[in-house]
Amino acid sequence: MRRSPTSESLWMRALLMAVGLGFMAVLVLLPMAAVFAEAFRHGWVAYRNALEDPLALAAVRLTLLVAAIAVPLNVVFGLAASWAIAKFDFIGKRLLITFIDLPFSVSPVISGLIYVLLFGSGSLLGDWLSDHDVQIIFAVPGLVIATMFVTFPFVARELIPLMEEQGTEEEEAAIMLGANGWRTFFSVTLPNIKWGLLYGVLLCNARAMGEFGAVSVVSGHIRGLTNTIPLHVEILYNEYNFVAAFAVASILTLLAVVTLLLKSLIEFKFAPEIRAQKG
């Protein structure tokens, strides 16, 4: 007789829960508490002054700008790629899937170096861009490109399995009823994937605002111009300005918490609809 996997004894379930909560406390809750404890070590005034510093405000604005550009572009790519992969058969399909997973296996630092080699001074493209007064490396366009590279799998990887599970029957029925491709996408496909798309956008946005390795290479660390929040935190920490470093870092921590709260709120409020969509 096969035993149900949920029929373990009370002590075993308690042990598993304790292990899970213990890992959560050590790896997530304690570091978060340490960030805020260090940020407020010298009181609220020091914390506020660190956040009101012009360089910190410039880093926040740049981070939001880069995310505001990179995330929508990755949404467009993720929708197009997942729709093509899940709904059509074509030559190079497996290769496209491999390329989508590439940022998961390539170090962000390496990707940043690749863009420096492509667009930096001395390269073929770099010389052409310089002749036409276009700057990518050590400027906002380079930050956007590097951020897009490390974040473009998130939307696609959230949507591909969802679209494959749903199949093509509803789209085929819509086309047979006379709907064109765009009408089918907006009336049939998009409503069926909206929750997966929202999760992908949340994850993509969180990763974009917290990216360090790739943007560190292409930014040049120009204070007030190309330093995002993570880069500004690094500079403050290296200068032993720990209170200011952790104060600015708390912004990223709060953004991560808000992202998780939004995800949990959506799951709670629309749980029946989400289960029906997955089911």
Protein backbone atom coordinates (compact mmCIF):
# COMPACT_ATOMS: atom_id res chain seq x y z
CA MET A 1 0.00 0.00 0.00
CA ARG A 2 1.46 3.35 -1.04
CA ARG A 3 1.56 6.03 1.61
CA SER A 4 0.49 9.56 0.84
CA PRO A 5 3.39 12.05 0.82
CA THR A 6 1.37 14.27 3.19
CA SER A 7 0.83 11.56 5.84
CA GLU A 8 4.09 12.10 7.70
CA SER A 9 4.03 12.22 11.48
CA LEU A 10 3.55 15.48 13.34
CA TRP A 11 7.17 15.66 14.46
CA MET A 12 8.42 15.17 10.90
CA ARG A 13 6.21 17.94 9.58
CA ALA A 14 7.32 20.18 12.44
CA LEU A 15 10.97 19.40 11.64
CA LEU A 16 10.53 20.22 7.95
CA MET A 17 8.75 23.47 8.79
CA ALA A 18 11.48 24.38 11.28
CA VAL A 19 14.21 23.75 8.70
CA GLY A 20 12.41 25.88 6.12
CA LEU A 21 11.74 28.72 8.55
CA GLY A 22 15.30 28.50 9.87
CA PHE A 23 16.79 28.91 6.40
CA MET A 24 14.39 31.79 5.77
CA ALA A 25 15.41 33.52 8.99
CA VAL A 26 19.16 33.11 8.44
CA LEU A 27 19.29 33.89 4.72
CA VAL A 28 16.52 36.51 4.40
CA LEU A 29 15.12 37.97 7.61
CA LEU A 30 18.37 38.47 9.53
CA PRO A 31 20.18 40.21 6.63
CA MET A 32 17.16 42.47 6.09
CA ALA A 33 17.08 43.34 9.78
CA ALA A 34 20.83 44.01 9.73
CA VAL A 35 20.44 46.44 6.81
CA PHE A 36 17.87 48.57 8.64
CA ALA A 37 19.66 48.30 11.98
CA GLU A 38 22.87 49.68 10.45
CA ALA A 39 20.97 52.29 8.43
CA PHE A 40 19.37 53.72 11.58
CA ARG A 41 22.43 53.27 13.80
CA HIS A 42 22.94 57.03 14.05
CA GLY A 43 19.26 57.89 14.14
CA TRP A 44 16.58 59.12 11.77
CA VAL A 45 18.35 62.38 10.91
CA ALA A 46 21.46 60.63 9.62
CA TYR A 47 19.28 58.19 7.67
CA ARG A 48 17.30 61.03 6.07
CA ASN A 49 20.43 63.00 5.25
CA ALA A 50 21.93 59.98 3.49
CA LEU A 51 18.83 59.59 1.33
CA GLU A 52 18.59 63.32 0.59
CA ASP A 53 22.17 63.50 -0.64
CA PRO A 54 22.15 64.70 -4.28
CA LEU A 55 24.30 61.77 -5.39
CA ALA A 56 21.91 59.30 -3.74
CA LEU A 57 18.92 60.97 -5.36
CA ALA A 58 20.68 60.88 -8.74
CA ALA A 59 21.34 57.15 -8.26
CA VAL A 60 17.67 56.53 -7.44
CA ARG A 61 16.48 58.48 -10.48
CA LEU A 62 18.90 56.65 -12.77
CA THR A 63 17.87 53.25 -11.39
CA LEU A 64 14.20 54.01 -11.98
CA LEU A 65 14.96 55.36 -15.47
CA VAL A 66 16.93 52.29 -16.50
CA ALA A 67 14.22 49.97 -15.17
CA ALA A 68 11.49 52.03 -16.86
CA ILE A 69 13.22 51.54 -20.23
CA ALA A 70 14.56 47.99 -19.89
CA VAL A 71 11.49 46.30 -18.40
CA PRO A 72 8.95 47.33 -21.10
CA LEU A 73 11.40 46.35 -23.84
CA ASN A 74 11.89 42.96 -22.19
CA VAL A 75 8.12 42.56 -21.93
CA VAL A 76 7.83 43.07 -25.68
CA PHE A 77 10.61 40.55 -26.31
CA GLY A 78 9.22 38.06 -23.80
CA LEU A 79 5.74 38.18 -25.31
CA ALA A 80 7.03 37.81 -28.87
CA ALA A 81 9.47 35.02 -28.04
CA SER A 82 7.09 33.01 -25.86
CA TRP A 83 4.25 33.37 -28.37
CA ALA A 84 6.48 32.16 -31.19
CA ILE A 85 7.94 29.26 -29.18
CA ALA A 86 4.67 28.06 -27.67
CA LYS A 87 2.35 28.52 -30.65
CA PHE A 88 4.49 27.81 -33.74
CA ASP A 89 7.06 25.35 -35.04
CA PHE A 90 9.98 26.86 -36.92
CA ILE A 91 13.63 26.23 -37.70
CA GLY A 92 15.85 27.47 -34.88
CA LYS A 93 13.21 27.10 -32.16
CA ARG A 94 15.50 25.16 -29.83
CA LEU A 95 18.31 27.61 -30.52
CA LEU A 96 16.07 30.52 -29.51
CA ILE A 97 15.21 28.78 -26.24
CA THR A 98 18.91 28.25 -25.58
CA PHE A 99 19.66 31.92 -26.20
CA ILE A 100 16.86 32.93 -23.81
CA ASP A 101 18.53 30.90 -21.05
CA LEU A 102 21.99 32.30 -21.84
CA PRO A 103 21.98 35.11 -19.22
CA PHE A 104 21.36 32.50 -16.51
CA SER A 105 24.68 30.83 -17.31
CA VAL A 106 26.85 33.83 -18.24
CA SER A 107 28.30 35.99 -15.50
CA PRO A 108 26.89 39.54 -15.58
CA VAL A 109 30.44 40.86 -15.40
CA ILE A 110 31.33 38.94 -18.57
CA SER A 111 28.28 40.33 -20.36
CA GLY A 112 29.32 43.84 -19.37
CA LEU A 113 32.83 43.25 -20.72
CA ILE A 114 31.34 42.01 -24.00
CA TYR A 115 29.46 45.28 -24.45
CA VAL A 116 32.60 47.25 -23.67
CA LEU A 117 34.39 45.31 -26.42
CA LEU A 118 31.51 45.96 -28.81
CA PHE A 119 30.79 49.61 -28.13
CA GLY A 120 33.90 50.89 -26.34
CA SER A 121 36.61 53.08 -27.81
CA GLY A 122 38.93 51.23 -30.14
CA SER A 123 36.28 48.80 -31.36
CA LEU A 124 34.78 48.93 -34.84
CA LEU A 125 31.35 49.98 -33.59
CA GLY A 126 32.85 52.24 -30.93
CA ASP A 127 34.80 54.28 -33.46
CA TRP A 128 31.73 54.65 -35.67
CA LEU A 129 29.61 55.73 -32.70
CA SER A 130 32.26 58.21 -31.62
CA ASP A 131 32.39 59.71 -35.10
CA HIS A 132 28.61 60.26 -34.92
CA ASP A 133 28.67 61.62 -31.32
CA VAL A 134 26.78 58.63 -29.94
CA GLN A 135 27.93 57.36 -26.54
CA ILE A 136 26.81 53.99 -25.22
CA ILE A 137 29.52 52.88 -22.80
CA PHE A 138 29.75 55.05 -19.66
CA ALA A 139 26.29 56.44 -20.44
CA VAL A 140 22.63 55.60 -19.90
CA PRO A 141 22.25 53.55 -23.13
CA GLY A 142 24.98 51.18 -21.97
CA LEU A 143 23.27 50.72 -18.61
CA VAL A 144 19.97 49.96 -20.35
CA ILE A 145 21.54 47.43 -22.73
CA ALA A 146 23.42 45.66 -19.94
CA THR A 147 20.30 45.55 -17.77
CA MET A 148 18.21 44.22 -20.63
CA PHE A 149 20.67 41.38 -21.21
CA VAL A 150 20.61 40.10 -17.63
CA THR A 151 16.82 40.45 -17.28
CA PHE A 152 15.33 39.43 -20.63
CA PRO A 153 14.78 35.73 -19.68
CA PHE A 154 12.38 36.49 -16.81
CA VAL A 155 9.24 37.37 -18.77
CA ALA A 156 9.81 34.76 -21.48
CA ARG A 157 10.60 31.98 -19.00
CA GLU A 158 7.42 32.78 -17.05
CA LEU A 159 5.22 32.71 -20.15
CA ILE A 160 6.61 29.86 -22.27
CA PRO A 161 5.44 26.93 -20.07
CA LEU A 162 2.11 28.67 -19.44
CA MET A 163 1.43 29.15 -23.15
CA GLU A 164 2.57 25.61 -23.99
CA GLU A 165 0.19 24.18 -21.37
CA GLN A 166 -2.75 26.18 -22.70
CA GLY A 167 -2.23 24.97 -26.28
CA THR A 168 -3.53 26.61 -29.43
CA GLU A 169 -7.18 25.53 -29.50
CA GLU A 170 -8.64 28.88 -28.43
CA GLU A 171 -6.49 30.85 -30.89
CA GLU A 172 -7.44 28.49 -33.72
CA ALA A 173 -11.12 28.89 -32.85
CA ALA A 174 -10.79 32.68 -32.88
CA ILE A 175 -9.10 32.62 -36.29
CA MET A 176 -11.80 30.32 -37.67
CA LEU A 177 -14.38 32.88 -36.49
CA GLY A 178 -12.64 35.56 -38.53
CA ALA A 179 -10.30 37.25 -36.05
CA ASN A 180 -6.92 38.37 -37.36
CA GLY A 181 -3.62 37.77 -35.56
CA TRP A 182 -3.62 40.96 -33.47
CA ARG A 183 -7.27 40.56 -32.51
CA THR A 184 -6.60 36.96 -31.48
CA PHE A 185 -3.62 37.99 -29.39
CA PHE A 186 -5.34 40.82 -27.50
CA SER A 187 -8.71 39.07 -27.10
CA VAL A 188 -7.63 35.48 -26.45
CA THR A 189 -3.92 35.00 -25.77
CA LEU A 190 -3.21 38.02 -23.56
CA PRO A 191 -6.15 37.49 -21.14
CA ASN A 192 -5.03 33.88 -20.67
CA ILE A 193 -1.47 34.82 -19.71
CA LYS A 194 -2.00 38.06 -17.81
CA TRP A 195 -1.08 36.68 -14.38
CA GLY A 196 2.05 34.95 -15.66
CA LEU A 197 2.97 38.14 -17.49
CA LEU A 198 2.50 40.18 -14.31
CA TYR A 199 4.74 37.82 -12.33
CA GLY A 200 7.38 38.04 -15.03
CA VAL A 201 7.24 41.84 -15.01
CA LEU A 202 7.61 41.96 -11.21
CA LEU A 203 10.62 39.64 -11.27
CA CYS A 204 12.18 41.45 -14.22
CA ASN A 205 11.75 44.82 -12.53
CA ALA A 206 13.22 43.63 -9.23
CA ARG A 207 16.23 42.16 -11.02
CA ALA A 208 16.70 45.29 -13.14
CA MET A 209 16.82 47.62 -10.15
CA GLY A 210 19.18 45.37 -8.22
CA GLU A 211 21.61 44.56 -11.04
CA PHE A 212 25.23 45.21 -10.17
CA GLY A 213 27.78 43.22 -12.18
CA ALA A 214 26.94 44.16 -15.77
CA VAL A 215 26.12 47.81 -15.08
CA SER A 216 29.27 48.16 -12.98
CA VAL A 217 31.42 47.32 -16.00
CA VAL A 218 29.67 49.61 -18.50
CA SER A 219 28.93 52.53 -16.15
CA GLY A 220 32.39 53.92 -15.50
CA HIS A 221 31.24 54.76 -11.95
CA ILE A 222 30.65 58.42 -12.76
CA ARG A 223 29.05 59.88 -9.65
CA GLY A 224 25.75 61.60 -10.28
CA LEU A 225 25.66 60.40 -13.90
CA THR A 226 26.07 56.64 -14.30
CA ASN A 227 25.90 55.26 -10.76
CA THR A 228 22.76 53.28 -10.03
CA ILE A 229 21.70 52.46 -6.47
CA PRO A 230 23.83 49.29 -6.14
CA LEU A 231 26.90 51.10 -7.52
CA HIS A 232 26.35 54.05 -5.18
CA VAL A 233 26.07 51.66 -2.24
CA GLU A 234 29.38 50.04 -3.22
CA ILE A 235 31.17 53.40 -3.35
CA LEU A 236 29.80 54.47 0.03
CA TYR A 237 30.78 51.14 1.58
CA ASN A 238 34.31 51.31 0.15
CA GLU A 239 34.61 54.80 1.66
CA TYR A 240 33.65 53.33 5.08
CA ASN A 241 30.49 55.44 5.10
CA PHE A 242 28.54 52.49 6.42
CA VAL A 243 25.45 54.30 7.67
CA ALA A 244 24.88 56.04 4.33
CA ALA A 245 25.63 52.81 2.43
CA PHE A 246 23.07 50.82 4.38
CA ALA A 247 20.58 53.68 4.26
CA VAL A 248 20.67 53.68 0.47
CA ALA A 249 20.68 49.87 0.44
CA SER A 250 17.48 49.94 2.46
CA ILE A 251 15.76 51.45 -0.59
CA LEU A 252 16.49 48.30 -2.58
CA THR A 253 15.37 46.19 0.37
CA LEU A 254 12.07 48.06 0.55
CA LEU A 255 11.58 47.69 -3.20
CA ALA A 256 12.12 43.93 -2.88
CA VAL A 257 9.62 43.74 -0.02
CA VAL A 258 7.06 45.76 -2.00
CA THR A 259 7.52 43.41 -4.96
CA LEU A 260 6.85 40.37 -2.78
CA LEU A 261 3.86 42.03 -1.13
CA LEU A 262 2.36 42.90 -4.53
CA LYS A 263 2.83 39.33 -5.70
CA SER A 264 1.24 37.93 -2.53
CA LEU A 265 -1.64 40.42 -2.69
CA ILE A 266 -2.40 39.51 -6.29
CA GLU A 267 -2.28 35.80 -5.48
CA PHE A 268 -4.61 36.28 -2.51
CA LYS A 269 -7.11 38.58 -4.19
CA PHE A 270 -7.34 36.72 -7.48
CA ALA A 271 -6.57 33.18 -6.28
CA PRO A 272 -9.68 31.53 -7.87
CA GLU A 273 -9.04 33.15 -11.24
CA ILE A 274 -5.34 32.24 -11.14
CA ARG A 275 -6.11 28.61 -10.30
CA ALA A 276 -8.68 28.44 -13.10
CA GLN A 277 -6.17 29.88 -15.56
CA LYS A 278 -3.51 27.34 -14.57
CA GLY A 279 -5.90 24.53 -14.34
